Amino acid sequence: MAIEKNISSKEIVEKIINSAPEEFETRNNDDEFAYIQLSSFCSNDCMYCSYSRENWTIERKRITAEEAVAEAKKQYDAGKKYILLYGGLDIFYTAEKIAAIIKKIKEECPDSVLYAAFEERVYEDYKVFYDAGADGFILPHRSANEDHFSRLHPMDMYPDFRKNVLPIIKEMGMKIGTGITVGWPYQTAEMLAEDIEFVKNLEFDLVVVDRFIPQQDTDFESFAKGDIRQTEKVRGIVSELLPDAIILSKLELC
């Protein structure tokens, strides 16, 4: 089923509710990526995330720059073209420290495409990553609906920051990535349609479409998991609306 680029929000909702996953040509690029988690420390307090700063029950870890570069080289030599270097908002890893790792990975893996994902940061940090050689940056917008975003995050996280900074990162010259989570608490089909319109209009280079999985010791641990077939439908819709984008089905980012 080919989806017209100018599909309306109402038509997207109709497809989310009434279509079947088999109707869409879905892509999945998970196996093309090397995933390197730099740190599981995070100063954010997102209500759904096990890496929240208020979660004292998990064991945190932080790998060294040398370990990150060695793992990237190992997976690159094994055939992984794409490298994702990611972590929470860890004050230990400044933009300059991350940039040094990016630069070294690009030297060791010259034909790789490197995406960084290190949460909400000041504009200058994204520029530092770009200048170091990062090809793209992934910043999941979580929800394009501002009221819904506010129900997923503490008051010190602003609903419009991620939506506003992603176009700036794109104008800088980097590829941009985001994510759509299906089955969030309080999510409606109309909210999902807003997410799909957002990724379509900004023409993302990479989109993660996953389902909500409640994490232990978080505010949302008692909520139900997102529906698998609904997630497959949304992944199919995004695959057809963005035929040149990388589509991932899972990514554990803060």
Protein backbone atom coordinates (compact mmCIF):
# COMPACT_ATOMS: atom_id res chain seq x y z
CA MET A 1 0.00 0.00 0.00
CA ALA A 2 1.57 3.26 -1.12
CA ILE A 3 0.83 6.18 1.19
CA GLU A 4 0.56 9.63 -0.31
CA LYS A 5 3.01 12.16 1.12
CA ASN A 6 0.20 14.68 1.62
CA ILE A 7 -1.88 12.31 3.73
CA SER A 8 -4.00 14.18 6.27
CA SER A 9 -3.90 13.72 10.03
CA LYS A 10 -7.42 12.30 9.92
CA GLU A 11 -6.35 9.73 7.32
CA ILE A 12 -3.35 8.75 9.43
CA VAL A 13 -5.63 8.12 12.41
CA GLU A 14 -7.85 5.99 10.17
CA LYS A 15 -4.88 3.86 9.12
CA ILE A 16 -3.66 3.50 12.70
CA ILE A 17 -7.06 2.25 13.82
CA ASN A 18 -8.33 0.23 10.88
CA SER A 19 -5.40 -1.01 8.79
CA ALA A 20 -3.36 -4.19 9.24
CA PRO A 21 0.45 -4.28 9.54
CA GLU A 22 0.63 -6.54 6.48
CA GLU A 23 -0.69 -3.72 4.28
CA PHE A 24 2.57 -1.77 4.54
CA GLU A 25 6.11 -2.30 3.24
CA THR A 26 8.09 -2.11 6.47
CA ARG A 27 11.84 -1.73 6.83
CA ASN A 28 14.05 -2.69 9.74
CA ASN A 29 17.73 -1.66 9.86
CA ASP A 30 18.51 -2.88 13.39
CA ASP A 31 21.19 -5.35 12.31
CA GLU A 32 23.22 -2.71 10.47
CA PHE A 33 24.10 -0.84 13.68
CA ALA A 34 26.84 -1.12 16.27
CA TYR A 35 25.40 0.08 19.58
CA ILE A 36 27.84 1.56 22.10
CA GLN A 37 26.49 2.83 25.41
CA LEU A 38 28.95 5.28 26.92
CA SER A 39 27.10 5.77 30.20
CA SER A 40 23.91 4.87 32.03
CA PHE A 41 24.17 7.83 34.39
CA CYS A 42 21.60 10.55 33.69
CA SER A 43 20.63 13.79 35.41
CA ASN A 44 17.14 13.76 33.90
CA ASP A 45 14.15 12.38 35.82
CA CYS A 46 11.86 11.06 33.07
CA MET A 47 8.93 9.16 34.53
CA TYR A 48 9.28 6.14 32.22
CA CYS A 49 13.04 5.64 32.25
CA SER A 50 14.96 3.20 34.43
CA TYR A 51 18.01 5.47 34.08
CA SER A 52 16.20 8.31 35.85
CA ARG A 53 18.41 10.12 38.35
CA GLU A 54 15.97 9.16 41.13
CA ASN A 55 16.23 5.43 40.47
CA TRP A 56 18.69 4.12 43.04
CA THR A 57 17.93 0.44 42.42
CA ILE A 58 19.90 -0.09 39.20
CA GLU A 59 23.60 -0.59 38.78
CA ARG A 60 25.10 2.25 36.77
CA LYS A 61 28.03 1.88 34.44
CA ARG A 62 30.33 4.14 32.49
CA ILE A 63 32.87 2.84 29.97
CA THR A 64 36.11 4.58 29.14
CA ALA A 65 36.90 6.38 25.91
CA GLU A 66 39.36 3.63 25.02
CA GLU A 67 36.74 0.95 25.55
CA ALA A 68 34.23 2.83 23.40
CA VAL A 69 36.68 3.21 20.52
CA ALA A 70 37.80 -0.42 20.74
CA GLU A 71 34.21 -1.69 20.66
CA ALA A 72 33.37 0.55 17.72
CA LYS A 73 36.39 -0.72 15.79
CA LYS A 74 35.54 -4.34 16.61
CA GLN A 75 31.99 -4.04 15.31
CA TYR A 76 33.05 -1.94 12.32
CA ASP A 77 35.55 -4.62 11.33
CA ALA A 78 32.74 -7.16 11.68
CA GLY A 79 30.77 -5.32 9.00
CA LYS A 80 28.67 -2.76 10.87
CA LYS A 81 28.44 0.38 8.74
CA TYR A 82 26.48 2.45 11.25
CA ILE A 83 27.72 3.27 14.74
CA LEU A 84 25.52 4.65 17.49
CA LEU A 85 27.34 6.21 20.42
CA TYR A 86 24.83 7.02 23.14
CA GLY A 87 24.21 7.66 26.80
CA GLY A 88 22.22 9.66 29.32
CA LEU A 89 22.86 13.24 30.33
CA ASP A 90 25.99 12.36 32.28
CA ILE A 91 27.86 15.40 33.62
CA PHE A 92 31.12 13.40 33.61
CA TYR A 93 31.03 13.14 29.84
CA THR A 94 31.28 16.73 28.69
CA ALA A 95 30.77 17.66 25.05
CA GLU A 96 34.52 17.90 24.61
CA LYS A 97 35.13 14.40 26.01
CA ILE A 98 32.41 12.93 23.79
CA ALA A 99 33.78 14.82 20.78
CA ALA A 100 37.23 13.35 21.35
CA ILE A 101 35.71 9.84 21.29
CA ILE A 102 33.74 10.64 18.12
CA LYS A 103 36.87 11.93 16.40
CA LYS A 104 38.86 8.84 17.33
CA ILE A 105 36.10 6.46 16.19
CA LYS A 106 35.88 8.23 12.84
CA GLU A 107 39.64 7.90 12.45
CA GLU A 108 39.50 4.18 13.23
CA CYS A 109 36.31 3.56 11.23
CA PRO A 110 36.66 5.96 8.26
CA ASP A 111 33.70 4.78 6.17
CA SER A 112 31.28 4.53 9.07
CA VAL A 113 28.19 6.65 9.63
CA LEU A 114 28.23 7.74 13.26
CA TYR A 115 25.12 8.84 15.10
CA ALA A 116 25.45 10.36 18.58
CA ALA A 117 22.62 10.43 21.11
CA PHE A 118 23.23 12.32 24.33
CA GLU A 119 19.95 13.96 25.25
CA GLU A 120 19.02 17.63 25.50
CA ARG A 121 22.09 19.86 25.40
CA VAL A 122 23.00 23.45 24.63
CA TYR A 123 23.33 24.34 20.95
CA GLU A 124 27.11 24.64 21.17
CA ASP A 125 27.40 20.96 22.18
CA TYR A 126 25.71 19.74 19.00
CA LYS A 127 28.13 21.91 17.00
CA VAL A 128 31.07 20.37 18.87
CA PHE A 129 29.84 16.87 17.97
CA TYR A 130 29.40 17.86 14.33
CA ASP A 131 32.84 19.41 14.11
CA ALA A 132 34.33 16.23 15.61
CA GLY A 133 32.86 14.17 12.78
CA ALA A 134 29.43 13.03 13.96
CA ASP A 135 27.23 12.34 10.95
CA GLY A 136 23.97 12.55 12.84
CA PHE A 137 22.27 13.09 16.19
CA ILE A 138 19.31 11.18 17.62
CA LEU A 139 17.04 13.06 20.00
CA PRO A 140 13.69 11.28 20.53
CA HIS A 141 10.96 13.91 20.74
CA ARG A 142 8.90 11.45 22.85
CA SER A 143 5.59 13.11 21.98
CA ALA A 144 4.72 15.83 19.50
CA ASN A 145 1.68 16.66 21.63
CA GLU A 146 2.83 19.15 24.26
CA ASP A 147 0.22 18.18 26.88
CA HIS A 148 1.14 14.52 26.48
CA PHE A 149 4.88 15.27 26.67
CA SER A 150 4.27 17.04 29.97
CA ARG A 151 2.61 13.93 31.40
CA LEU A 152 5.72 11.87 30.61
CA HIS A 153 8.34 14.26 32.00
CA PRO A 154 9.04 16.41 35.08
CA MET A 155 8.30 20.12 35.07
CA ASP A 156 11.92 21.06 34.38
CA MET A 157 11.76 19.50 30.91
CA TYR A 158 10.03 21.68 28.33
CA PRO A 159 7.78 20.09 25.69
CA ASP A 160 8.90 22.27 22.81
CA PHE A 161 12.69 22.10 23.31
CA ARG A 162 13.31 18.88 21.38
CA LYS A 163 10.97 19.81 18.54
CA ASN A 164 12.65 23.19 18.18
CA VAL A 165 16.28 22.05 18.40
CA LEU A 166 16.02 19.19 15.89
CA PRO A 167 15.57 21.52 12.88
CA ILE A 168 18.58 23.52 14.11
CA ILE A 169 20.69 20.37 14.21
CA LYS A 170 19.52 19.54 10.69
CA GLU A 171 20.40 23.02 9.39
CA MET A 172 23.86 22.57 10.90
CA GLY A 173 24.45 19.75 8.44
CA MET A 174 23.86 16.68 10.58
CA LYS A 175 21.42 13.89 9.90
CA ILE A 176 18.64 13.81 12.48
CA GLY A 177 16.94 10.93 14.23
CA THR A 178 13.99 10.63 16.57
CA GLY A 179 11.63 8.01 17.93
CA ILE A 180 7.95 7.14 18.09
CA THR A 181 6.86 4.99 21.01
CA VAL A 182 3.54 3.21 20.58
CA GLY A 183 1.48 2.58 23.70
CA TRP A 184 2.69 5.37 25.96
CA PRO A 185 0.48 5.94 29.00
CA TYR A 186 -2.24 8.45 28.13
CA GLN A 187 -1.52 8.18 24.38
CA THR A 188 -4.33 8.34 21.80
CA ALA A 189 -4.43 7.52 18.09
CA GLU A 190 -4.62 11.25 17.42
CA MET A 191 -1.39 11.78 19.37
CA LEU A 192 0.30 9.05 17.34
CA ALA A 193 -0.85 10.81 14.18
CA GLU A 194 0.80 14.01 15.45
CA ASP A 195 4.05 12.08 15.93
CA ILE A 196 3.87 10.66 12.41
CA GLU A 197 3.15 14.07 10.92
CA PHE A 198 6.10 15.52 12.83
CA VAL A 199 8.59 12.97 11.47
CA LYS A 200 7.11 13.29 7.97
CA ASN A 201 7.25 17.07 7.86
CA LEU A 202 10.80 17.34 9.18
CA GLU A 203 11.92 14.45 6.92
CA PHE A 204 13.98 12.60 9.49
CA ASP A 205 16.93 10.50 8.37
CA LEU A 206 16.37 7.93 11.13
CA VAL A 207 13.26 6.97 13.08
CA VAL A 208 12.98 4.45 15.88
CA VAL A 209 9.47 2.98 16.12
CA ASP A 210 9.17 0.87 19.24
CA ARG A 211 6.48 -0.05 21.72
CA PHE A 212 6.19 1.09 25.31
CA ILE A 213 7.67 -1.40 27.78
CA PRO A 214 7.11 -0.47 31.44
CA GLN A 215 10.33 -0.36 33.43
CA GLN A 216 10.61 -1.55 37.01
CA ASP A 217 10.94 1.13 39.70
CA THR A 218 9.57 3.91 37.50
CA ASP A 219 6.34 5.90 37.75
CA PHE A 220 4.89 3.91 34.85
CA GLU A 221 5.86 0.39 35.93
CA SER A 222 2.22 -0.67 36.41
CA PHE A 223 1.04 0.36 32.92
CA ALA A 224 0.45 -2.18 30.15
CA LYS A 225 2.90 -2.81 27.34
CA GLY A 226 2.26 -1.23 23.95
CA ASP A 227 0.46 -3.38 21.39
CA ILE A 228 2.79 -5.26 19.03
CA ARG A 229 0.57 -5.10 15.94
CA GLN A 230 -0.19 -1.43 16.50
CA THR A 231 3.55 -0.81 16.68
CA GLU A 232 4.09 -2.73 13.43
CA LYS A 233 1.41 -0.62 11.75
CA VAL A 234 3.04 2.64 12.79
CA ARG A 235 6.44 1.34 11.69
CA GLY A 236 4.96 0.46 8.32
CA ILE A 237 3.34 3.88 7.90
CA VAL A 238 6.60 5.66 8.74
CA SER A 239 8.56 3.35 6.41
CA GLU A 240 6.34 4.32 3.49
CA LEU A 241 6.20 8.04 4.30
CA LEU A 242 9.99 8.23 4.61
CA PRO A 243 11.30 5.79 1.98
CA ASP A 244 14.93 6.88 2.37
CA ALA A 245 15.04 6.89 6.17
CA ILE A 246 16.70 4.34 8.43
CA ILE A 247 14.04 2.55 10.46
CA LEU A 248 14.89 0.92 13.78
CA SER A 249 12.58 -1.19 15.92
CA LYS A 250 14.28 -0.83 19.28
CA LEU A 251 16.66 1.54 20.94
CA GLU A 252 17.15 2.00 24.68
CA LEU A 253 17.90 5.69 24.96
CA CYS A 254 17.18 8.01 27.84
